[in-house]
Amino acid sequence: VLTDNETKAFLCAADDDSDGRIGVDEFQAMV
């Protein structure tokens, strides 16, 4: 499993609109 730090860093890096979750467009942009 990802560590808490990895999980939070991943979320921060991908969550462009800061809603606390990653949408499909945010995921595609990150990839």
PDB file of all heavy atoms in Angstrom:
ATOM      1  N   VAL A   1       0.866  -1.180   0.000  1.00  0.00           N
ATOM      2  CA  VAL A   1       0.000   0.000   0.000  1.00  0.00           C
ATOM      3  C   VAL A   1       0.905   1.234   0.000  1.00  0.00           C
ATOM      4  O   VAL A   1       2.055   1.178   0.445  1.00  0.00           O
ATOM      5  CB  VAL A   1      -0.967   0.035   1.209  1.00  0.00           C
ATOM      6  CG1 VAL A   1      -1.930  -1.130   1.167  1.00  0.00           C
ATOM      7  CG2 VAL A   1      -0.223   0.089   2.517  1.00  0.00           C
ATOM      8  N   LEU A   2       0.393   2.337  -0.512  1.00  0.00           N
ATOM      9  CA  LEU A   2       1.157   3.574  -0.478  1.00  0.00           C
ATOM     10  C   LEU A   2       1.197   4.109   0.948  1.00  0.00           C
ATOM     11  O   LEU A   2       0.235   3.949   1.706  1.00  0.00           O
ATOM     12  CB  LEU A   2       0.529   4.627  -1.396  1.00  0.00           C
ATOM     13  CG  LEU A   2       0.520   4.315  -2.900  1.00  0.00           C
ATOM     14  CD1 LEU A   2      -0.150   5.466  -3.668  1.00  0.00           C
ATOM     15  CD2 LEU A   2       1.906   4.068  -3.430  1.00  0.00           C
ATOM     16  N   THR A   3       2.293   4.757   1.299  1.00  0.00           N
ATOM     17  CA  THR A   3       2.379   5.391   2.615  1.00  0.00           C
ATOM     18  C   THR A   3       1.450   6.602   2.637  1.00  0.00           C
ATOM     19  O   THR A   3       1.009   7.083   1.580  1.00  0.00           O
ATOM     20  CB  THR A   3       3.817   5.845   2.922  1.00  0.00           C
ATOM     21  OG1 THR A   3       4.172   6.885   2.007  1.00  0.00           O
ATOM     22  CG2 THR A   3       4.812   4.693   2.832  1.00  0.00           C
ATOM     23  N   ASP A   4       1.182   7.128   3.816  1.00  0.00           N
ATOM     24  CA  ASP A   4       0.352   8.332   3.920  1.00  0.00           C
ATOM     25  C   ASP A   4       0.981   9.483   3.150  1.00  0.00           C
ATOM     26  O   ASP A   4       0.274  10.243   2.471  1.00  0.00           O
ATOM     27  CB  ASP A   4       0.139   8.718   5.382  1.00  0.00           C
ATOM     28  CG  ASP A   4      -0.800   7.758   6.105  1.00  0.00           C
ATOM     29  OD1 ASP A   4      -1.526   6.991   5.434  1.00  0.00           O
ATOM     30  OD2 ASP A   4      -0.799   7.773   7.354  1.00  0.00           O
ATOM     31  N   ASN A   5       2.309   9.626   3.253  1.00  0.00           N
ATOM     32  CA  ASN A   5       2.997  10.708   2.532  1.00  0.00           C
ATOM     33  C   ASN A   5       2.862  10.552   1.024  1.00  0.00           C
ATOM     34  O   ASN A   5       2.620  11.526   0.309  1.00  0.00           O
ATOM     35  CB  ASN A   5       4.485  10.754   2.907  1.00  0.00           C
ATOM     36  CG  ASN A   5       4.710  11.302   4.301  1.00  0.00           C
ATOM     37  OD1 ASN A   5       3.853  11.971   4.863  1.00  0.00           O
ATOM     38  ND2 ASN A   5       5.871  11.006   4.862  1.00  0.00           N
ATOM     39  N   GLU A   6       3.028   9.321   0.528  1.00  0.00           N
ATOM     40  CA  GLU A   6       2.897   9.071  -0.915  1.00  0.00           C
ATOM     41  C   GLU A   6       1.479   9.342  -1.386  1.00  0.00           C
ATOM     42  O   GLU A   6       1.262   9.942  -2.447  1.00  0.00           O
ATOM     43  CB  GLU A   6       3.269   7.620  -1.240  1.00  0.00           C
ATOM     44  CG  GLU A   6       4.733   7.313  -1.111  1.00  0.00           C
ATOM     45  CD  GLU A   6       5.041   5.837  -1.208  1.00  0.00           C
ATOM     46  OE1 GLU A   6       4.279   5.004  -0.660  1.00  0.00           O
ATOM     47  OE2 GLU A   6       6.065   5.497  -1.834  1.00  0.00           O
ATOM     48  N   THR A   7       0.508   8.902  -0.598  1.00  0.00           N
ATOM     49  CA  THR A   7      -0.898   9.093  -0.952  1.00  0.00           C
ATOM     50  C   THR A   7      -1.232  10.580  -1.043  1.00  0.00           C
ATOM     51  O   THR A   7      -1.841  11.042  -2.011  1.00  0.00           O
ATOM     52  CB  THR A   7      -1.815   8.403   0.086  1.00  0.00           C
ATOM     53  OG1 THR A   7      -1.471   7.018   0.158  1.00  0.00           O
ATOM     54  CG2 THR A   7      -3.266   8.534  -0.289  1.00  0.00           C
ATOM     55  N   LYS A   8      -0.813  11.339  -0.035  1.00  0.00           N
ATOM     56  CA  LYS A   8      -1.097  12.786  -0.017  1.00  0.00           C
ATOM     57  C   LYS A   8      -0.359  13.505  -1.151  1.00  0.00           C
ATOM     58  O   LYS A   8      -0.916  14.395  -1.801  1.00  0.00           O
ATOM     59  CB  LYS A   8      -0.742  13.384   1.337  1.00  0.00           C
ATOM     60  CG  LYS A   8      -1.699  12.933   2.433  1.00  0.00           C
ATOM     61  CD  LYS A   8      -1.388  13.548   3.766  1.00  0.00           C
ATOM     62  CE  LYS A   8      -2.193  12.987   4.909  1.00  0.00           C
ATOM     63  NZ  LYS A   8      -3.551  12.640   4.669  1.00  0.00           N
ATOM     64  N   ALA A   9       0.886  13.124  -1.422  1.00  0.00           N
ATOM     65  CA  ALA A   9       1.658  13.747  -2.505  1.00  0.00           C
ATOM     66  C   ALA A   9       1.018  13.448  -3.863  1.00  0.00           C
ATOM     67  O   ALA A   9       0.930  14.329  -4.727  1.00  0.00           O
ATOM     68  CB  ALA A   9       3.102  13.262  -2.478  1.00  0.00           C
ATOM     69  N   PHE A  10       0.560  12.215  -4.054  1.00  0.00           N
ATOM     70  CA  PHE A  10      -0.107  11.817  -5.294  1.00  0.00           C
ATOM     71  C   PHE A  10      -1.376  12.645  -5.478  1.00  0.00           C
ATOM     72  O   PHE A  10      -1.617  13.223  -6.545  1.00  0.00           O
ATOM     73  CB  PHE A  10      -0.426  10.320  -5.218  1.00  0.00           C
ATOM     74  CG  PHE A  10      -0.878   9.662  -6.486  1.00  0.00           C
ATOM     75  CD1 PHE A  10      -0.983   8.279  -6.528  1.00  0.00           C
ATOM     76  CD2 PHE A  10      -1.191  10.363  -7.642  1.00  0.00           C
ATOM     77  CE1 PHE A  10      -1.393   7.620  -7.681  1.00  0.00           C
ATOM     78  CE2 PHE A  10      -1.610   9.716  -8.807  1.00  0.00           C
ATOM     79  CZ  PHE A  10      -1.713   8.344  -8.815  1.00  0.00           C
ATOM     80  N   LEU A  11      -2.171  12.735  -4.426  1.00  0.00           N
ATOM     81  CA  LEU A  11      -3.415  13.508  -4.490  1.00  0.00           C
ATOM     82  C   LEU A  11      -3.128  14.974  -4.800  1.00  0.00           C
ATOM     83  O   LEU A  11      -3.773  15.569  -5.662  1.00  0.00           O
ATOM     84  CB  LEU A  11      -4.184  13.363  -3.172  1.00  0.00           C
ATOM     85  CG  LEU A  11      -5.579  13.978  -3.134  1.00  0.00           C
ATOM     86  CD1 LEU A  11      -6.482  13.343  -4.183  1.00  0.00           C
ATOM     87  CD2 LEU A  11      -6.191  13.798  -1.757  1.00  0.00           C
ATOM     88  N   CYS A  12      -2.150  15.548  -4.119  1.00  0.00           N
ATOM     89  CA  CYS A  12      -1.786  16.962  -4.347  1.00  0.00           C
ATOM     90  C   CYS A  12      -1.342  17.196  -5.792  1.00  0.00           C
ATOM     91  O   CYS A  12      -1.706  18.201  -6.399  1.00  0.00           O
ATOM     92  CB  CYS A  12      -0.649  17.363  -3.424  1.00  0.00           C
ATOM     93  SG  CYS A  12      -1.194  18.245  -1.989  1.00  0.00           S
ATOM     94  N   ALA A  13      -0.555  16.275  -6.322  1.00  0.00           N
ATOM     95  CA  ALA A  13      -0.011  16.428  -7.674  1.00  0.00           C
ATOM     96  C   ALA A  13      -1.094  16.346  -8.752  1.00  0.00           C
ATOM     97  O   ALA A  13      -0.995  17.001  -9.785  1.00  0.00           O
ATOM     98  CB  ALA A  13       1.051  15.365  -7.933  1.00  0.00           C
ATOM     99  N   ALA A  14      -2.136  15.570  -8.499  1.00  0.00           N
ATOM    100  CA  ALA A  14      -3.149  15.348  -9.535  1.00  0.00           C
ATOM    101  C   ALA A  14      -4.428  16.149  -9.350  1.00  0.00           C
ATOM    102  O   ALA A  14      -5.144  16.394 -10.318  1.00  0.00           O
ATOM    103  CB  ALA A  14      -3.494  13.863  -9.588  1.00  0.00           C
ATOM    104  N   ASP A  15      -4.733  16.566  -8.137  1.00  0.00           N
ATOM    105  CA  ASP A  15      -6.004  17.216  -7.813  1.00  0.00           C
ATOM    106  C   ASP A  15      -5.957  18.707  -8.150  1.00  0.00           C
ATOM    107  O   ASP A  15      -5.787  19.546  -7.274  1.00  0.00           O
ATOM    108  CB  ASP A  15      -6.320  16.990  -6.329  1.00  0.00           C
ATOM    109  CG  ASP A  15      -7.662  17.565  -5.916  1.00  0.00           C
ATOM    110  OD1 ASP A  15      -8.516  17.811  -6.800  1.00  0.00           O
ATOM    111  OD2 ASP A  15      -7.860  17.774  -4.710  1.00  0.00           O
ATOM    112  N   ASP A  16      -6.136  19.019  -9.425  1.00  0.00           N
ATOM    113  CA  ASP A  16      -6.013  20.408  -9.896  1.00  0.00           C
ATOM    114  C   ASP A  16      -7.059  21.358  -9.315  1.00  0.00           C
ATOM    115  O   ASP A  16      -6.801  22.542  -9.153  1.00  0.00           O
ATOM    116  CB  ASP A  16      -6.078  20.461 -11.429  1.00  0.00           C
ATOM    117  CG  ASP A  16      -4.877  19.803 -12.082  1.00  0.00           C
ATOM    118  OD1 ASP A  16      -3.801  19.741 -11.439  1.00  0.00           O
ATOM    119  OD2 ASP A  16      -5.013  19.334 -13.222  1.00  0.00           O
ATOM    120  N   ASP A  17      -8.258  20.850  -9.037  1.00  0.00           N
ATOM    121  CA  ASP A  17      -9.312  21.742  -8.532  1.00  0.00           C
ATOM    122  C   ASP A  17      -9.451  21.703  -7.007  1.00  0.00           C
ATOM    123  O   ASP A  17     -10.372  22.286  -6.455  1.00  0.00           O
ATOM    124  CB  ASP A  17     -10.655  21.453  -9.214  1.00  0.00           C
ATOM    125  CG  ASP A  17     -11.159  20.040  -8.975  1.00  0.00           C
ATOM    126  OD1 ASP A  17     -10.550  19.294  -8.162  1.00  0.00           O
ATOM    127  OD2 ASP A  17     -12.170  19.666  -9.607  1.00  0.00           O
ATOM    128  N   SER A  18      -8.545  21.018  -6.342  1.00  0.00           N
ATOM    129  CA  SER A  18      -8.483  20.963  -4.864  1.00  0.00           C
ATOM    130  C   SER A  18      -9.769  20.497  -4.197  1.00  0.00           C
ATOM    131  O   SER A  18     -10.125  20.971  -3.127  1.00  0.00           O
ATOM    132  CB  SER A  18      -8.079  22.337  -4.307  1.00  0.00           C
ATOM    133  OG  SER A  18      -6.832  22.715  -4.815  1.00  0.00           O
ATOM    134  N   ASP A  19     -10.455  19.532  -4.835  1.00  0.00           N
ATOM    135  CA  ASP A  19     -11.678  19.016  -4.215  1.00  0.00           C
ATOM    136  C   ASP A  19     -11.434  17.739  -3.403  1.00  0.00           C
ATOM    137  O   ASP A  19     -12.367  17.118  -2.913  1.00  0.00           O
ATOM    138  CB  ASP A  19     -12.780  18.794  -5.254  1.00  0.00           C
ATOM    139  CG  ASP A  19     -12.448  17.713  -6.271  1.00  0.00           C
ATOM    140  OD1 ASP A  19     -11.303  17.192  -6.266  1.00  0.00           O
ATOM    141  OD2 ASP A  19     -13.339  17.382  -7.094  1.00  0.00           O
ATOM    142  N   GLY A  20     -10.156  17.354  -3.270  1.00  0.00           N
ATOM    143  CA  GLY A  20      -9.821  16.206  -2.452  1.00  0.00           C
ATOM    144  C   GLY A  20      -9.971  14.863  -3.142  1.00  0.00           C
ATOM    145  O   GLY A  20      -9.950  13.817  -2.493  1.00  0.00           O
ATOM    146  N   ARG A  21     -10.107  14.875  -4.444  1.00  0.00           N
ATOM    147  CA  ARG A  21     -10.242  13.643  -5.219  1.00  0.00           C
ATOM    148  C   ARG A  21      -9.753  13.894  -6.644  1.00  0.00           C
ATOM    149  O   ARG A  21      -9.613  15.048  -7.060  1.00  0.00           O
ATOM    150  CB  ARG A  21     -11.688  13.157  -5.200  1.00  0.00           C
ATOM    151  CG  ARG A  21     -12.658  14.206  -5.683  1.00  0.00           C
ATOM    152  CD  ARG A  21     -14.082  13.875  -5.338  1.00  0.00           C
ATOM    153  NE  ARG A  21     -14.950  14.875  -5.961  1.00  0.00           N
ATOM    154  CZ  ARG A  21     -16.239  14.775  -6.066  1.00  0.00           C
ATOM    155  NH1 ARG A  21     -16.848  13.709  -5.584  1.00  0.00           N
ATOM    156  NH2 ARG A  21     -16.948  15.702  -6.645  1.00  0.00           N
ATOM    157  N   ILE A  22      -9.506  12.822  -7.373  1.00  0.00           N
ATOM    158  CA  ILE A  22      -8.974  12.937  -8.729  1.00  0.00           C
ATOM    159  C   ILE A  22     -10.048  12.512  -9.722  1.00  0.00           C
ATOM    160  O   ILE A  22     -10.538  11.377  -9.674  1.00  0.00           O
ATOM    161  CB  ILE A  22      -7.722  12.047  -8.909  1.00  0.00           C
ATOM    162  CG1 ILE A  22      -6.636  12.446  -7.914  1.00  0.00           C
ATOM    163  CG2 ILE A  22      -7.200  12.132 -10.339  1.00  0.00           C
ATOM    164  CD1 ILE A  22      -5.485  11.466  -7.833  1.00  0.00           C
ATOM    165  N   GLY A  23     -10.427  13.440 -10.591  1.00  0.00           N
ATOM    166  CA  GLY A  23     -11.388  13.137 -11.647  1.00  0.00           C
ATOM    167  C   GLY A  23     -10.669  12.585 -12.867  1.00  0.00           C
ATOM    168  O   GLY A  23      -9.442  12.623 -12.969  1.00  0.00           O
ATOM    169  N   VAL A  24     -11.451  12.095 -13.813  1.00  0.00           N
ATOM    170  CA  VAL A  24     -10.859  11.469 -15.000  1.00  0.00           C
ATOM    171  C   VAL A  24      -9.999  12.452 -15.794  1.00  0.00           C
ATOM    172  O   VAL A  24      -8.925  12.092 -16.285  1.00  0.00           O
ATOM    173  CB  VAL A  24     -11.947  10.793 -15.884  1.00  0.00           C
ATOM    174  CG1 VAL A  24     -12.880  11.824 -16.508  1.00  0.00           C
ATOM    175  CG2 VAL A  24     -11.307   9.906 -16.937  1.00  0.00           C
ATOM    176  N   ASP A  25     -10.428  13.701 -15.916  1.00  0.00           N
ATOM    177  CA  ASP A  25      -9.642  14.689 -16.660  1.00  0.00           C
ATOM    178  C   ASP A  25      -8.332  14.990 -15.948  1.00  0.00           C
ATOM    179  O   ASP A  25      -7.282  15.146 -16.592  1.00  0.00           O
ATOM    180  CB  ASP A  25     -10.437  15.983 -16.876  1.00  0.00           C
ATOM    181  CG  ASP A  25     -11.634  15.772 -17.800  1.00  0.00           C
ATOM    182  OD1 ASP A  25     -11.605  14.823 -18.619  1.00  0.00           O
ATOM    183  OD2 ASP A  25     -12.599  16.548 -17.702  1.00  0.00           O
ATOM    184  N   GLU A  26      -8.374  15.072 -14.621  1.00  0.00           N
ATOM    185  CA  GLU A  26      -7.151  15.312 -13.839  1.00  0.00           C
ATOM    186  C   GLU A  26      -6.198  14.115 -13.987  1.00  0.00           C
ATOM    187  O   GLU A  26      -4.984  14.300 -14.126  1.00  0.00           O
ATOM    188  CB  GLU A  26      -7.493  15.520 -12.365  1.00  0.00           C
ATOM    189  CG  GLU A  26      -8.247  16.804 -12.114  1.00  0.00           C
ATOM    190  CD  GLU A  26      -8.829  16.891 -10.705  1.00  0.00           C
ATOM    191  OE1 GLU A  26      -9.345  15.870 -10.204  1.00  0.00           O
ATOM    192  OE2 GLU A  26      -8.767  17.989 -10.118  1.00  0.00           O
ATOM    193  N   PHE A  27      -6.750  12.929 -13.981  1.00  0.00           N
ATOM    194  CA  PHE A  27      -5.940  11.718 -14.136  1.00  0.00           C
ATOM    195  C   PHE A  27      -5.277  11.701 -15.512  1.00  0.00           C
ATOM    196  O   PHE A  27      -4.078  11.459 -15.629  1.00  0.00           O
ATOM    197  CB  PHE A  27      -6.794  10.466 -13.915  1.00  0.00           C
ATOM    198  CG  PHE A  27      -6.027   9.181 -13.979  1.00  0.00           C
ATOM    199  CD1 PHE A  27      -5.206   8.803 -12.923  1.00  0.00           C
ATOM    200  CD2 PHE A  27      -6.121   8.329 -15.064  1.00  0.00           C
ATOM    201  CE1 PHE A  27      -4.468   7.607 -12.961  1.00  0.00           C
ATOM    202  CE2 PHE A  27      -5.418   7.145 -15.114  1.00  0.00           C
ATOM    203  CZ  PHE A  27      -4.595   6.780 -14.055  1.00  0.00           C
ATOM    204  N   GLN A  28      -6.058  11.981 -16.548  1.00  0.00           N
ATOM    205  CA  GLN A  28      -5.505  11.999 -17.907  1.00  0.00           C
ATOM    206  C   GLN A  28      -4.410  13.046 -18.036  1.00  0.00           C
ATOM    207  O   GLN A  28      -3.384  12.798 -18.668  1.00  0.00           O
ATOM    208  CB  GLN A  28      -6.610  12.261 -18.930  1.00  0.00           C
ATOM    209  CG  GLN A  28      -7.431  11.045 -19.220  1.00  0.00           C
ATOM    210  CD  GLN A  28      -8.353  11.244 -20.407  1.00  0.00           C
ATOM    211  OE1 GLN A  28      -9.302  12.031 -20.336  1.00  0.00           O
ATOM    212  NE2 GLN A  28      -8.088  10.537 -21.470  1.00  0.00           N
ATOM    213  N   ALA A  29      -4.611  14.210 -17.444  1.00  0.00           N
ATOM    214  CA  ALA A  29      -3.617  15.276 -17.511  1.00  0.00           C
ATOM    215  C   ALA A  29      -2.328  14.844 -16.824  1.00  0.00           C
ATOM    216  O   ALA A  29      -1.229  15.086 -17.329  1.00  0.00           O
ATOM    217  CB  ALA A  29      -4.166  16.555 -16.874  1.00  0.00           C
ATOM    218  N   MET A  30      -2.433  14.187 -15.669  1.00  0.00           N
ATOM    219  CA  MET A  30      -1.245  13.742 -14.962  1.00  0.00           C
ATOM    220  C   MET A  30      -0.496  12.671 -15.749  1.00  0.00           C
ATOM    221  O   MET A  30       0.727  12.688 -15.811  1.00  0.00           O
ATOM    222  CB  MET A  30      -1.599  13.215 -13.581  1.00  0.00           C
ATOM    223  CG  MET A  30      -0.372  12.803 -12.796  1.00  0.00           C
ATOM    224  SD  MET A  30      -0.774  12.298 -11.141  1.00  0.00           S
ATOM    225  CE  MET A  30       0.690  12.855 -10.296  1.00  0.00           C
ATOM    226  N   VAL A  31      -1.224  11.747 -16.350  1.00  0.00           N
ATOM    227  CA  VAL A  31      -0.598  10.670 -17.107  1.00  0.00           C
ATOM    228  C   VAL A  31       0.116  11.218 -18.339  1.00  0.00           C
ATOM    229  O   VAL A  31       1.214  10.785 -18.681  1.00  0.00           O
ATOM    230  CB  VAL A  31      -1.654   9.619 -17.537  1.00  0.00           C
ATOM    231  CG1 VAL A  31      -1.096   8.663 -18.571  1.00  0.00           C
ATOM    232  CG2 VAL A  31      -2.150   8.854 -16.319  1.00  0.00           C
TER     233      VAL A  31
END
